[in-house]
């Protein structure tokens, strides 16, 4: 029984390692070339560039061609700092003295 388990594990590992990284079929290549010739082919963005630009508010959204989210980020991002600052100044002050324990 252990022999079949090892064979099954090896087959599963082999199938997982091959993945779906096969080349395009001839039909897919024709479709790809036709879309490229028509100008409707959408190239994928570089995720590293998106992550680096995402550090700045809104720039990652602009890079991902989602300007609506980018404008929302640019508009509301400063309110995070002003909102927390005003909340901190309006909070009641705590007393630093300790009260005597009632044991």
N, C-alpha and C. Protein backbone atom coordinates (compact mmCIF):
# COMPACT_ATOMS: atom_id res chain seq x y z
N UNK A 1 0.82 -1.20 0.00
CA UNK A 1 0.00 0.00 0.00
C UNK A 1 0.86 1.26 0.00
N UNK A 2 2.02 1.21 0.71
CA UNK A 2 2.91 2.36 0.75
C UNK A 2 3.47 2.66 -0.63
N UNK A 3 3.66 1.61 -1.41
CA UNK A 3 4.23 1.78 -2.75
C UNK A 3 3.29 2.62 -3.62
N UNK A 4 1.98 2.34 -3.53
CA UNK A 4 1.01 3.09 -4.33
C UNK A 4 0.89 4.53 -3.84
N UNK A 5 1.05 4.73 -2.56
CA UNK A 5 1.01 6.09 -2.00
C UNK A 5 2.17 6.93 -2.51
N UNK A 6 3.35 6.32 -2.59
CA UNK A 6 4.52 7.04 -3.10
C UNK A 6 4.36 7.36 -4.57
N UNK A 7 3.80 6.42 -5.31
CA UNK A 7 3.58 6.64 -6.75
C UNK A 7 2.55 7.76 -6.95
N UNK A 8 1.48 7.73 -6.15
CA UNK A 8 0.46 8.76 -6.26
C UNK A 8 1.02 10.13 -5.87
N UNK A 9 1.85 10.17 -4.83
CA UNK A 9 2.46 11.44 -4.42
C UNK A 9 3.41 11.96 -5.49
N UNK A 10 4.17 11.07 -6.10
CA UNK A 10 5.08 11.48 -7.17
C UNK A 10 4.30 12.00 -8.38
N UNK A 11 3.20 11.32 -8.73
CA UNK A 11 2.39 11.76 -9.86
C UNK A 11 1.73 13.12 -9.57
N UNK A 12 1.27 13.32 -8.34
CA UNK A 12 0.66 14.60 -7.97
C UNK A 12 1.70 15.72 -8.00
N UNK A 13 2.89 15.44 -7.49
CA UNK A 13 3.95 16.45 -7.50
C UNK A 13 4.34 16.80 -8.93
N UNK A 14 4.43 15.80 -9.79
CA UNK A 14 4.79 16.04 -11.18
C UNK A 14 3.73 16.88 -11.89
N UNK A 15 2.46 16.57 -11.64
CA UNK A 15 1.40 17.32 -12.29
C UNK A 15 1.32 18.75 -11.77
N UNK A 16 1.65 18.97 -10.50
CA UNK A 16 1.65 20.32 -9.96
C UNK A 16 2.83 21.14 -10.47
N UNK A 17 3.95 20.48 -10.70
CA UNK A 17 5.13 21.20 -11.18
C UNK A 17 5.00 21.62 -12.64
N UNK A 18 4.27 20.85 -13.43
CA UNK A 18 4.14 21.21 -14.83
C UNK A 18 3.23 22.41 -14.99
N UNK A 19 2.20 22.51 -14.20
CA UNK A 19 1.31 23.66 -14.22
C UNK A 19 0.64 23.88 -15.56
N UNK A 20 0.22 25.10 -15.78
CA UNK A 20 -0.45 25.47 -17.02
C UNK A 20 0.42 26.39 -17.85
N UNK A 21 1.70 26.21 -17.78
CA UNK A 21 2.62 27.11 -18.47
C UNK A 21 3.00 26.58 -19.84
N UNK A 22 2.05 26.01 -20.52
CA UNK A 22 2.34 25.52 -21.86
C UNK A 22 2.26 26.67 -22.84
N UNK A 23 2.84 26.49 -23.99
CA UNK A 23 2.80 27.52 -25.01
C UNK A 23 1.41 27.65 -25.62
N UNK A 24 1.26 28.64 -26.46
CA UNK A 24 -0.03 28.84 -27.13
C UNK A 24 -0.19 27.85 -28.27
N UNK A 25 -1.41 27.42 -28.47
CA UNK A 25 -1.70 26.56 -29.61
C UNK A 25 -1.71 27.43 -30.87
N UNK A 26 -1.78 26.82 -32.01
CA UNK A 26 -1.77 27.59 -33.26
C UNK A 26 -3.00 28.48 -33.37
N UNK A 27 -4.13 28.01 -32.89
CA UNK A 27 -5.36 28.81 -32.92
C UNK A 27 -5.22 30.02 -31.99
N UNK A 28 -4.66 29.79 -30.80
CA UNK A 28 -4.46 30.88 -29.85
C UNK A 28 -3.46 31.90 -30.38
N UNK A 29 -2.43 31.44 -31.05
CA UNK A 29 -1.45 32.35 -31.64
C UNK A 29 -2.10 33.21 -32.72
N UNK A 30 -2.98 32.61 -33.54
CA UNK A 30 -3.70 33.38 -34.57
C UNK A 30 -4.58 34.44 -33.93
N UNK A 31 -5.31 34.07 -32.89
CA UNK A 31 -6.17 35.02 -32.19
C UNK A 31 -5.35 36.14 -31.56
N UNK A 32 -4.24 35.78 -30.96
CA UNK A 32 -3.35 36.77 -30.34
C UNK A 32 -2.84 37.76 -31.37
N UNK A 33 -2.38 37.26 -32.50
CA UNK A 33 -1.86 38.12 -33.56
C UNK A 33 -2.95 39.00 -34.16
N UNK A 34 -4.17 38.46 -34.28
CA UNK A 34 -5.29 39.24 -34.81
C UNK A 34 -5.65 40.37 -33.86
N UNK A 35 -5.69 40.09 -32.56
CA UNK A 35 -5.99 41.13 -31.57
C UNK A 35 -4.90 42.19 -31.54
N UNK A 36 -3.67 41.75 -31.69
CA UNK A 36 -2.56 42.69 -31.70
C UNK A 36 -2.64 43.60 -32.93
N UNK A 37 -3.00 43.04 -34.07
CA UNK A 37 -3.10 43.83 -35.30
C UNK A 37 -4.25 44.83 -35.22
N UNK A 38 -5.34 44.46 -34.53
CA UNK A 38 -6.50 45.35 -34.40
C UNK A 38 -6.30 46.41 -33.31
N UNK A 39 -5.28 46.22 -32.50
CA UNK A 39 -5.01 47.18 -31.42
C UNK A 39 -5.88 46.98 -30.21
N UNK A 40 -6.49 45.81 -30.05
CA UNK A 40 -7.35 45.56 -28.90
C UNK A 40 -6.69 44.64 -27.87
N UNK A 41 -5.43 44.31 -28.09
CA UNK A 41 -4.72 43.44 -27.18
C UNK A 41 -4.33 44.24 -25.94
N UNK A 42 -4.67 43.75 -24.78
CA UNK A 42 -4.36 44.43 -23.53
C UNK A 42 -3.15 43.73 -22.91
N UNK A 43 -2.07 44.47 -22.78
CA UNK A 43 -0.87 43.93 -22.16
C UNK A 43 -1.00 44.02 -20.65
N UNK A 44 -0.47 43.03 -19.96
CA UNK A 44 -0.53 43.03 -18.51
C UNK A 44 0.45 44.05 -17.95
N UNK A 45 0.07 44.61 -16.83
CA UNK A 45 0.94 45.57 -16.15
C UNK A 45 1.96 44.82 -15.30
N UNK A 46 3.05 45.49 -15.00
CA UNK A 46 4.09 44.91 -14.16
C UNK A 46 3.66 45.06 -12.70
N UNK A 47 3.48 43.95 -11.96
CA UNK A 47 3.01 44.06 -10.58
C UNK A 47 4.01 44.77 -9.66
N UNK A 48 5.30 44.66 -9.94
CA UNK A 48 6.29 45.34 -9.11
C UNK A 48 6.16 46.85 -9.24
N UNK A 49 5.98 47.32 -10.46
CA UNK A 49 5.80 48.76 -10.67
C UNK A 49 4.53 49.23 -9.99
N UNK A 50 3.46 48.44 -10.07
CA UNK A 50 2.21 48.80 -9.41
C UNK A 50 2.36 48.87 -7.90
N UNK A 51 3.13 47.94 -7.33
CA UNK A 51 3.34 47.94 -5.88
C UNK A 51 4.15 49.14 -5.45
N UNK A 52 5.19 49.47 -6.22
CA UNK A 52 6.03 50.63 -5.88
C UNK A 52 5.21 51.91 -5.99
N UNK A 53 4.44 52.05 -7.05
CA UNK A 53 3.60 53.24 -7.21
C UNK A 53 2.47 53.26 -6.19
N UNK A 54 2.05 52.09 -5.71
CA UNK A 54 0.98 52.02 -4.73
C UNK A 54 1.37 52.58 -3.37
N UNK A 55 2.67 52.79 -3.15
CA UNK A 55 3.09 53.41 -1.90
C UNK A 55 2.57 54.84 -1.82
N UNK A 56 2.57 55.51 -2.95
CA UNK A 56 2.02 56.86 -3.01
C UNK A 56 0.52 56.77 -3.22
N UNK A 57 -0.25 57.54 -2.50
CA UNK A 57 -1.71 57.42 -2.59
C UNK A 57 -2.24 57.72 -3.99
N UNK A 58 -2.93 56.76 -4.54
CA UNK A 58 -3.58 56.94 -5.83
C UNK A 58 -2.76 56.57 -7.04
N UNK A 59 -1.45 56.58 -6.94
CA UNK A 59 -0.62 56.35 -8.11
C UNK A 59 -0.71 54.91 -8.61
N UNK A 60 -0.86 53.96 -7.70
CA UNK A 60 -1.04 52.57 -8.13
C UNK A 60 -2.33 52.39 -8.89
N UNK A 61 -3.37 53.10 -8.49
CA UNK A 61 -4.65 53.03 -9.19
C UNK A 61 -4.55 53.64 -10.58
N UNK A 62 -3.85 54.75 -10.69
CA UNK A 62 -3.66 55.34 -12.01
C UNK A 62 -2.87 54.41 -12.92
N UNK A 63 -1.87 53.74 -12.37
CA UNK A 63 -1.06 52.81 -13.16
C UNK A 63 -1.92 51.63 -13.63
N UNK A 64 -2.85 51.19 -12.81
CA UNK A 64 -3.72 50.07 -13.15
C UNK A 64 -4.89 50.50 -14.03
N UNK A 65 -4.85 51.73 -14.52
CA UNK A 65 -5.89 52.29 -15.39
C UNK A 65 -7.25 52.36 -14.71
N UNK A 66 -7.23 52.74 -13.44
CA UNK A 66 -8.46 52.96 -12.69
C UNK A 66 -8.40 54.36 -12.09
N UNK A 67 -8.58 55.38 -12.94
CA UNK A 67 -8.41 56.74 -12.45
C UNK A 67 -9.44 57.16 -11.40
N UNK A 68 -10.61 56.55 -11.42
CA UNK A 68 -11.62 56.88 -10.41
C UNK A 68 -11.13 56.56 -9.02
N UNK A 69 -10.58 55.38 -8.83
CA UNK A 69 -10.02 55.02 -7.53
C UNK A 69 -8.83 55.90 -7.19
N UNK A 70 -8.05 56.25 -8.20
CA UNK A 70 -6.90 57.12 -7.96
C UNK A 70 -7.32 58.48 -7.44
N UNK A 71 -8.35 59.09 -8.04
CA UNK A 71 -8.83 60.39 -7.58
C UNK A 71 -9.43 60.29 -6.18
N UNK A 72 -10.14 59.21 -5.90
CA UNK A 72 -10.72 59.04 -4.56
C UNK A 72 -9.60 58.92 -3.54
N UNK A 73 -8.55 58.16 -3.85
CA UNK A 73 -7.42 58.04 -2.94
C UNK A 73 -6.75 59.39 -2.72
N UNK A 74 -6.55 60.14 -3.81
CA UNK A 74 -5.90 61.44 -3.66
C UNK A 74 -6.74 62.41 -2.85
N UNK A 75 -8.06 62.35 -2.99
CA UNK A 75 -8.93 63.27 -2.27
C UNK A 75 -9.06 62.94 -0.79
N UNK A 76 -9.22 61.65 -0.49
CA UNK A 76 -9.53 61.27 0.89
C UNK A 76 -8.33 60.84 1.72
N UNK A 77 -7.20 60.64 1.10
CA UNK A 77 -6.02 60.22 1.86
C UNK A 77 -5.59 61.24 2.89
N UNK A 78 -5.55 62.53 2.57
CA UNK A 78 -5.16 63.51 3.59
C UNK A 78 -6.13 63.56 4.76
N UNK A 79 -7.39 63.24 4.54
CA UNK A 79 -8.37 63.30 5.63
C UNK A 79 -8.05 62.27 6.72
N UNK A 80 -7.32 61.23 6.39
CA UNK A 80 -6.94 60.26 7.42
C UNK A 80 -6.06 60.92 8.47
N UNK A 81 -5.14 61.77 8.03
CA UNK A 81 -4.24 62.42 8.98
C UNK A 81 -4.93 63.54 9.73
N UNK A 82 -5.74 64.34 9.02
CA UNK A 82 -6.42 65.44 9.68
C UNK A 82 -7.49 64.92 10.64
N UNK A 83 -8.14 63.83 10.28
CA UNK A 83 -9.17 63.27 11.15
C UNK A 83 -8.59 62.71 12.43
N UNK A 84 -7.47 62.02 12.35
CA UNK A 84 -6.88 61.46 13.57
C UNK A 84 -6.28 62.55 14.43
N UNK A 85 -5.76 63.59 13.80
CA UNK A 85 -5.18 64.69 14.57
C UNK A 85 -6.26 65.43 15.34
N UNK A 86 -7.39 65.71 14.69
CA UNK A 86 -8.45 66.43 15.38
C UNK A 86 -9.09 65.56 16.46
N UNK A 87 -9.17 64.28 16.24
CA UNK A 87 -9.73 63.39 17.26
C UNK A 87 -8.81 63.34 18.47
N UNK A 88 -7.52 63.38 18.24
CA UNK A 88 -6.58 63.34 19.36
C UNK A 88 -6.62 64.63 20.16
N UNK A 89 -6.83 65.76 19.51
CA UNK A 89 -6.87 67.03 20.24
C UNK A 89 -8.19 67.21 20.97
N UNK A 90 -9.26 66.58 20.50
CA UNK A 90 -10.56 66.73 21.15
C UNK A 90 -10.78 65.70 22.25
N UNK A 91 -9.93 64.71 22.36
CA UNK A 91 -10.10 63.68 23.38
C UNK A 91 -9.85 64.26 24.77
N UNK A 92 -10.58 63.79 25.77
CA UNK A 92 -10.36 64.31 27.12
C UNK A 92 -8.97 63.91 27.63
N UNK A 93 -8.38 64.79 28.38
CA UNK A 93 -7.06 64.53 28.94
C UNK A 93 -7.19 63.57 30.11
N UNK A 94 -6.27 62.62 30.20
CA UNK A 94 -6.27 61.68 31.32
C UNK A 94 -5.38 62.22 32.43
N UNK A 95 -5.76 61.89 33.59
CA UNK A 95 -4.96 62.30 34.74
C UNK A 95 -3.76 61.36 34.85
N UNK A 96 -2.60 61.92 35.15
CA UNK A 96 -1.41 61.09 35.28
C UNK A 96 -1.20 60.61 36.70
N UNK A 97 -1.99 61.10 37.64
CA UNK A 97 -1.85 60.65 39.02
C UNK A 97 -2.57 59.34 39.21
N UNK A 98 -2.08 58.52 40.08
CA UNK A 98 -2.72 57.23 40.35
C UNK A 98 -3.61 57.37 41.56
N UNK A 99 -4.71 56.70 41.54
CA UNK A 99 -5.63 56.75 42.68
C UNK A 99 -5.20 55.71 43.70
N UNK A 100 -5.42 55.99 44.97
CA UNK A 100 -5.03 55.03 46.00
C UNK A 100 -5.86 53.75 45.88
N UNK A 101 -5.21 52.65 46.10
CA UNK A 101 -5.93 51.38 45.98
C UNK A 101 -6.76 51.16 47.25
N UNK A 102 -7.86 50.51 47.09
CA UNK A 102 -8.76 50.23 48.22
C UNK A 102 -8.73 48.75 48.51
N UNK A 103 -7.64 48.26 49.07
CA UNK A 103 -7.54 46.84 49.37
C UNK A 103 -7.96 46.56 50.77
